[in-house]
């Protein structure tokens, strides 16, 4: 039987998609979301988190969280989200958007102030530049969420402008600060 040659070609994108995306730090595992993370995501849909993340609604059903998980799959290209796991539990997420290619992250409030977001980003950001041929990454933060901006600046993100941004958990657009970091200006944290 004839087998077309194109079926046998392993492109970079196909290879990367099959490799998955998993990182480990001293305290965290960064991994694909799983269906059993849905209850943890529902728990994170509190105003302090949801209003600062564009894709988290103010009230999240487990079905809605499972849909978010299905949409999050890593396929070897930008446009995916990963779970942040601490002591065996999903405590937040990281993502890489498609257009513009930008990063986002969130943690459940009970894990704030422990350096976990910085630790997750310390692994995630260099791995993005290693994995993808990108020259820069973008990010933004709502003006009323200064801690997020402080974390971004630790890694060398520089302010590029101000505009209005939206979140499913906000009634109307709100001011955001936009940032960018290049492969050369990324500051890797210990």
C-alpha atoms as a PDB file:
ATOM      1  CA  UNK A   1       0.000   0.000   0.000  1.00  0.00           C
ATOM      2  CA  UNK A   2       1.239   3.479  -0.856  1.00  0.00           C
ATOM      3  CA  UNK A   3       1.799   5.846   2.072  1.00  0.00           C
ATOM      4  CA  UNK A   4       2.043   9.514   1.115  1.00  0.00           C
ATOM      5  CA  UNK A   5       5.370  11.014   2.157  1.00  0.00           C
ATOM      6  CA  UNK A   6       3.760  14.064   3.698  1.00  0.00           C
ATOM      7  CA  UNK A   7       2.123  11.867   6.351  1.00  0.00           C
ATOM      8  CA  UNK A   8       5.587  10.858   7.495  1.00  0.00           C
ATOM      9  CA  UNK A   9       7.019  14.367   7.848  1.00  0.00           C
ATOM     10  CA  UNK A  10       7.601  15.464  11.411  1.00  0.00           C
ATOM     11  CA  UNK A  11       7.557  19.241  11.346  1.00  0.00           C
ATOM     12  CA  UNK A  12       8.908  21.357  14.192  1.00  0.00           C
ATOM     13  CA  UNK A  13       5.339  22.285  15.187  1.00  0.00           C
ATOM     14  CA  UNK A  14       4.198  18.637  15.244  1.00  0.00           C
ATOM     15  CA  UNK A  15       7.274  17.608  17.228  1.00  0.00           C
ATOM     16  CA  UNK A  16       6.761  20.376  19.796  1.00  0.00           C
ATOM     17  CA  UNK A  17       3.052  19.615  20.105  1.00  0.00           C
ATOM     18  CA  UNK A  18       3.870  15.995  20.885  1.00  0.00           C
ATOM     19  CA  UNK A  19       6.488  16.959  23.476  1.00  0.00           C
ATOM     20  CA  UNK A  20       3.954  18.652  25.695  1.00  0.00           C
ATOM     21  CA  UNK A  21       4.854  21.502  27.989  1.00  0.00           C
ATOM     22  CA  UNK A  22       5.960  20.745  31.522  1.00  0.00           C
ATOM     23  CA  UNK A  23       8.322  22.677  33.781  1.00  0.00           C
ATOM     24  CA  UNK A  24       9.420  22.145  37.368  1.00  0.00           C
ATOM     25  CA  UNK A  25      10.793  24.609  39.894  1.00  0.00           C
ATOM     26  CA  UNK A  26      11.791  24.128  43.503  1.00  0.00           C
ATOM     27  CA  UNK A  27       8.161  24.329  44.672  1.00  0.00           C
ATOM     28  CA  UNK A  28       6.016  24.271  41.534  1.00  0.00           C
ATOM     29  CA  UNK A  29       5.066  22.165  38.561  1.00  0.00           C
ATOM     30  CA  UNK A  30       3.867  23.969  35.446  1.00  0.00           C
ATOM     31  CA  UNK A  31       1.822  21.541  33.386  1.00  0.00           C
ATOM     32  CA  UNK A  32      -1.166  21.289  31.062  1.00  0.00           C
ATOM     33  CA  UNK A  33      -4.536  21.845  32.709  1.00  0.00           C
ATOM     34  CA  UNK A  34      -6.487  18.650  33.412  1.00  0.00           C
ATOM     35  CA  UNK A  35     -10.246  18.122  33.637  1.00  0.00           C
ATOM     36  CA  UNK A  36      -9.915  17.571  37.393  1.00  0.00           C
ATOM     37  CA  UNK A  37      -8.570  21.152  37.750  1.00  0.00           C
ATOM     38  CA  UNK A  38     -12.068  22.527  37.049  1.00  0.00           C
ATOM     39  CA  UNK A  39     -13.131  22.807  40.737  1.00  0.00           C
ATOM     40  CA  UNK A  40      -9.904  24.674  41.559  1.00  0.00           C
ATOM     41  CA  UNK A  41     -10.520  27.105  38.685  1.00  0.00           C
ATOM     42  CA  UNK A  42     -14.088  27.703  39.895  1.00  0.00           C
ATOM     43  CA  UNK A  43     -12.645  28.455  43.346  1.00  0.00           C
ATOM     44  CA  UNK A  44     -10.322  31.067  41.764  1.00  0.00           C
ATOM     45  CA  UNK A  45     -13.193  32.969  40.116  1.00  0.00           C
ATOM     46  CA  UNK A  46     -13.354  35.456  42.982  1.00  0.00           C
ATOM     47  CA  UNK A  47     -13.439  39.206  42.298  1.00  0.00           C
ATOM     48  CA  UNK A  48      -9.798  39.752  43.355  1.00  0.00           C
ATOM     49  CA  UNK A  49      -8.649  37.343  40.621  1.00  0.00           C
ATOM     50  CA  UNK A  50     -11.345  37.469  37.944  1.00  0.00           C
ATOM     51  CA  UNK A  51     -11.345  41.253  37.528  1.00  0.00           C
ATOM     52  CA  UNK A  52      -7.640  41.185  36.639  1.00  0.00           C
ATOM     53  CA  UNK A  53      -7.818  38.345  34.094  1.00  0.00           C
ATOM     54  CA  UNK A  54      -9.550  38.905  30.764  1.00  0.00           C
ATOM     55  CA  UNK A  55     -10.927  35.358  30.373  1.00  0.00           C
ATOM     56  CA  UNK A  56     -12.224  34.511  33.869  1.00  0.00           C
ATOM     57  CA  UNK A  57     -15.905  35.357  34.387  1.00  0.00           C
ATOM     58  CA  UNK A  58     -17.198  36.660  37.733  1.00  0.00           C
ATOM     59  CA  UNK A  59     -19.167  33.430  38.228  1.00  0.00           C
ATOM     60  CA  UNK A  60     -17.689  30.257  36.784  1.00  0.00           C
ATOM     61  CA  UNK A  61     -19.454  26.926  36.549  1.00  0.00           C
ATOM     62  CA  UNK A  62     -17.478  23.690  36.431  1.00  0.00           C
ATOM     63  CA  UNK A  63     -18.699  23.244  32.841  1.00  0.00           C
ATOM     64  CA  UNK A  64     -17.338  26.705  31.992  1.00  0.00           C
ATOM     65  CA  UNK A  65     -14.034  25.879  33.663  1.00  0.00           C
ATOM     66  CA  UNK A  66     -13.819  22.601  31.728  1.00  0.00           C
ATOM     67  CA  UNK A  67     -14.390  24.520  28.474  1.00  0.00           C
ATOM     68  CA  UNK A  68     -11.546  26.898  29.482  1.00  0.00           C
ATOM     69  CA  UNK A  69      -9.367  23.814  30.054  1.00  0.00           C
ATOM     70  CA  UNK A  70     -10.241  22.353  26.635  1.00  0.00           C
ATOM     71  CA  UNK A  71      -9.412  25.699  24.974  1.00  0.00           C
ATOM     72  CA  UNK A  72      -6.074  25.784  26.824  1.00  0.00           C
ATOM     73  CA  UNK A  73      -4.373  22.808  25.188  1.00  0.00           C
ATOM     74  CA  UNK A  74      -0.764  23.190  24.093  1.00  0.00           C
ATOM     75  CA  UNK A  75      -0.439  22.400  20.369  1.00  0.00           C
ATOM     76  CA  UNK A  76       3.147  23.468  19.757  1.00  0.00           C
ATOM     77  CA  UNK A  77       2.386  27.120  18.970  1.00  0.00           C
ATOM     78  CA  UNK A  78       1.452  30.212  21.015  1.00  0.00           C
ATOM     79  CA  UNK A  79      -2.152  30.230  22.157  1.00  0.00           C
ATOM     80  CA  UNK A  80      -2.243  27.965  25.229  1.00  0.00           C
ATOM     81  CA  UNK A  81      -2.584  28.007  29.011  1.00  0.00           C
ATOM     82  CA  UNK A  82      -0.879  25.890  31.671  1.00  0.00           C
ATOM     83  CA  UNK A  83      -1.689  25.092  35.281  1.00  0.00           C
ATOM     84  CA  UNK A  84       0.523  26.144  38.165  1.00  0.00           C
ATOM     85  CA  UNK A  85       0.617  23.268  40.654  1.00  0.00           C
ATOM     86  CA  UNK A  86       1.803  23.605  44.260  1.00  0.00           C
ATOM     87  CA  UNK A  87       1.853  20.672  46.687  1.00  0.00           C
ATOM     88  CA  UNK A  88      -0.281  18.623  44.279  1.00  0.00           C
ATOM     89  CA  UNK A  89      -3.017  21.237  43.783  1.00  0.00           C
ATOM     90  CA  UNK A  90      -3.765  23.601  40.908  1.00  0.00           C
ATOM     91  CA  UNK A  91      -3.316  27.111  42.343  1.00  0.00           C
ATOM     92  CA  UNK A  92      -3.253  29.247  39.198  1.00  0.00           C
ATOM     93  CA  UNK A  93      -2.392  29.479  35.561  1.00  0.00           C
ATOM     94  CA  UNK A  94       0.009  30.878  32.987  1.00  0.00           C
ATOM     95  CA  UNK A  95      -0.711  31.505  29.354  1.00  0.00           C
ATOM     96  CA  UNK A  96       0.844  32.568  26.088  1.00  0.00           C
ATOM     97  CA  UNK A  97      -1.496  34.375  23.710  1.00  0.00           C
ATOM     98  CA  UNK A  98      -1.361  34.295  19.927  1.00  0.00           C
ATOM     99  CA  UNK A  99      -1.862  37.801  18.669  1.00  0.00           C
ATOM    100  CA  UNK A 100      -0.243  39.703  20.092  1.00  0.00           C
ATOM    101  CA  UNK A 101       2.117  37.123  21.551  1.00  0.00           C
ATOM    102  CA  UNK A 102       1.765  37.964  25.197  1.00  0.00           C
ATOM    103  CA  UNK A 103       1.835  36.323  28.582  1.00  0.00           C
ATOM    104  CA  UNK A 104      -0.754  36.221  31.331  1.00  0.00           C
ATOM    105  CA  UNK A 105      -0.826  34.643  34.772  1.00  0.00           C
ATOM    106  CA  UNK A 106      -3.039  34.337  37.834  1.00  0.00           C
ATOM    107  CA  UNK A 107      -2.939  32.750  41.284  1.00  0.00           C
ATOM    108  CA  UNK A 108      -5.607  31.942  43.856  1.00  0.00           C
ATOM    109  CA  UNK A 109      -5.507  34.693  46.533  1.00  0.00           C
ATOM    110  CA  UNK A 110      -4.522  32.347  49.352  1.00  0.00           C
ATOM    111  CA  UNK A 111      -1.187  31.823  47.554  1.00  0.00           C
ATOM    112  CA  UNK A 112      -0.351  35.506  47.074  1.00  0.00           C
ATOM    113  CA  UNK A 113       2.681  36.973  48.818  1.00  0.00           C
ATOM    114  CA  UNK A 114       4.764  33.770  48.825  1.00  0.00           C
ATOM    115  CA  UNK A 115       6.849  34.458  45.712  1.00  0.00           C
ATOM    116  CA  UNK A 116       5.032  31.755  43.739  1.00  0.00           C
ATOM    117  CA  UNK A 117       4.119  33.984  40.770  1.00  0.00           C
ATOM    118  CA  UNK A 118       7.759  35.082  40.492  1.00  0.00           C
ATOM    119  CA  UNK A 119       8.912  31.470  40.749  1.00  0.00           C
ATOM    120  CA  UNK A 120       6.482  30.349  38.026  1.00  0.00           C
ATOM    121  CA  UNK A 121       7.454  33.198  35.717  1.00  0.00           C
ATOM    122  CA  UNK A 122      11.166  32.464  36.350  1.00  0.00           C
ATOM    123  CA  UNK A 123      10.677  29.095  34.673  1.00  0.00           C
ATOM    124  CA  UNK A 124       8.008  30.044  32.131  1.00  0.00           C
ATOM    125  CA  UNK A 125       9.506  33.144  30.494  1.00  0.00           C
ATOM    126  CA  UNK A 126      12.936  31.703  29.550  1.00  0.00           C
ATOM    127  CA  UNK A 127      11.246  28.526  28.314  1.00  0.00           C
ATOM    128  CA  UNK A 128       9.046  30.576  25.964  1.00  0.00           C
ATOM    129  CA  UNK A 129      12.081  32.216  24.365  1.00  0.00           C
ATOM    130  CA  UNK A 130      13.838  28.820  24.195  1.00  0.00           C
ATOM    131  CA  UNK A 131      10.856  27.088  22.626  1.00  0.00           C
ATOM    132  CA  UNK A 132       9.629  29.711  20.152  1.00  0.00           C
ATOM    133  CA  UNK A 133      11.524  31.976  17.728  1.00  0.00           C
ATOM    134  CA  UNK A 134      10.120  35.153  19.300  1.00  0.00           C
ATOM    135  CA  UNK A 135      11.966  38.441  19.585  1.00  0.00           C
ATOM    136  CA  UNK A 136       9.654  39.880  22.258  1.00  0.00           C
ATOM    137  CA  UNK A 137       6.694  39.202  24.535  1.00  0.00           C
ATOM    138  CA  UNK A 138       3.906  41.537  25.571  1.00  0.00           C
ATOM    139  CA  UNK A 139       1.888  41.751  28.772  1.00  0.00           C
ATOM    140  CA  UNK A 140      -0.522  44.122  30.423  1.00  0.00           C
ATOM    141  CA  UNK A 141      -1.924  44.834  33.854  1.00  0.00           C
ATOM    142  CA  UNK A 142      -4.947  46.754  35.019  1.00  0.00           C
ATOM    143  CA  UNK A 143      -3.827  49.988  36.702  1.00  0.00           C
ATOM    144  CA  UNK A 144      -5.584  48.936  39.916  1.00  0.00           C
ATOM    145  CA  UNK A 145      -3.423  45.768  40.075  1.00  0.00           C
ATOM    146  CA  UNK A 146       0.058  47.225  40.735  1.00  0.00           C
ATOM    147  CA  UNK A 147       1.491  43.973  42.139  1.00  0.00           C
ATOM    148  CA  UNK A 148       1.196  42.378  38.700  1.00  0.00           C
ATOM    149  CA  UNK A 149       3.182  45.240  37.175  1.00  0.00           C
ATOM    150  CA  UNK A 150       5.863  44.887  39.851  1.00  0.00           C
ATOM    151  CA  UNK A 151       6.270  41.206  38.953  1.00  0.00           C
ATOM    152  CA  UNK A 152       6.544  42.019  35.243  1.00  0.00           C
ATOM    153  CA  UNK A 153       9.159  44.716  35.869  1.00  0.00           C
ATOM    154  CA  UNK A 154      11.298  42.231  37.859  1.00  0.00           C
ATOM    155  CA  UNK A 155      11.744  40.342  34.596  1.00  0.00           C
ATOM    156  CA  UNK A 156      12.678  43.382  32.534  1.00  0.00           C
ATOM    157  CA  UNK A 157       9.253  44.194  31.084  1.00  0.00           C
ATOM    158  CA  UNK A 158       9.146  47.883  30.215  1.00  0.00           C
ATOM    159  CA  UNK A 159       6.052  50.037  29.928  1.00  0.00           C
ATOM    160  CA  UNK A 160       5.022  50.611  26.307  1.00  0.00           C
ATOM    161  CA  UNK A 161       1.767  52.483  26.760  1.00  0.00           C
ATOM    162  CA  UNK A 162      -1.606  52.862  28.389  1.00  0.00           C
ATOM    163  CA  UNK A 163      -4.995  51.971  27.016  1.00  0.00           C
ATOM    164  CA  UNK A 164      -8.341  50.505  28.023  1.00  0.00           C
ATOM    165  CA  UNK A 165      -8.641  46.773  28.611  1.00  0.00           C
ATOM    166  CA  UNK A 166     -11.514  44.425  29.281  1.00  0.00           C
ATOM    167  CA  UNK A 167     -12.215  41.571  31.634  1.00  0.00           C
ATOM    168  CA  UNK A 168     -15.301  39.369  31.734  1.00  0.00           C
ATOM    169  CA  UNK A 169     -15.508  40.269  35.429  1.00  0.00           C
ATOM    170  CA  UNK A 170     -15.554  44.056  34.919  1.00  0.00           C
ATOM    171  CA  UNK A 171     -18.649  45.960  33.898  1.00  0.00           C
ATOM    172  CA  UNK A 172     -16.772  48.257  31.543  1.00  0.00           C
ATOM    173  CA  UNK A 173     -13.305  48.741  30.068  1.00  0.00           C
ATOM    174  CA  UNK A 174     -10.680  49.897  32.569  1.00  0.00           C
ATOM    175  CA  UNK A 175      -7.217  51.488  32.240  1.00  0.00           C
ATOM    176  CA  UNK A 176      -4.344  49.085  31.611  1.00  0.00           C
ATOM    177  CA  UNK A 177      -0.598  49.529  31.361  1.00  0.00           C
ATOM    178  CA  UNK A 178       1.042  47.626  28.501  1.00  0.00           C
ATOM    179  CA  UNK A 179       4.540  46.158  28.660  1.00  0.00           C
ATOM    180  CA  UNK A 180       7.072  44.374  26.477  1.00  0.00           C
ATOM    181  CA  UNK A 181      10.296  42.474  27.035  1.00  0.00           C
ATOM    182  CA  UNK A 182      12.743  41.245  24.428  1.00  0.00           C
ATOM    183  CA  UNK A 183      14.827  38.122  24.395  1.00  0.00           C
ATOM    184  CA  UNK A 184      17.847  40.363  25.166  1.00  0.00           C
ATOM    185  CA  UNK A 185      16.245  42.394  27.971  1.00  0.00           C
ATOM    186  CA  UNK A 186      14.624  39.479  29.839  1.00  0.00           C
ATOM    187  CA  UNK A 187      16.001  39.390  33.382  1.00  0.00           C
ATOM    188  CA  UNK A 188      16.089  35.816  34.600  1.00  0.00           C
ATOM    189  CA  UNK A 189      15.335  35.592  38.318  1.00  0.00           C
ATOM    190  CA  UNK A 190      17.173  33.055  40.519  1.00  0.00           C
END
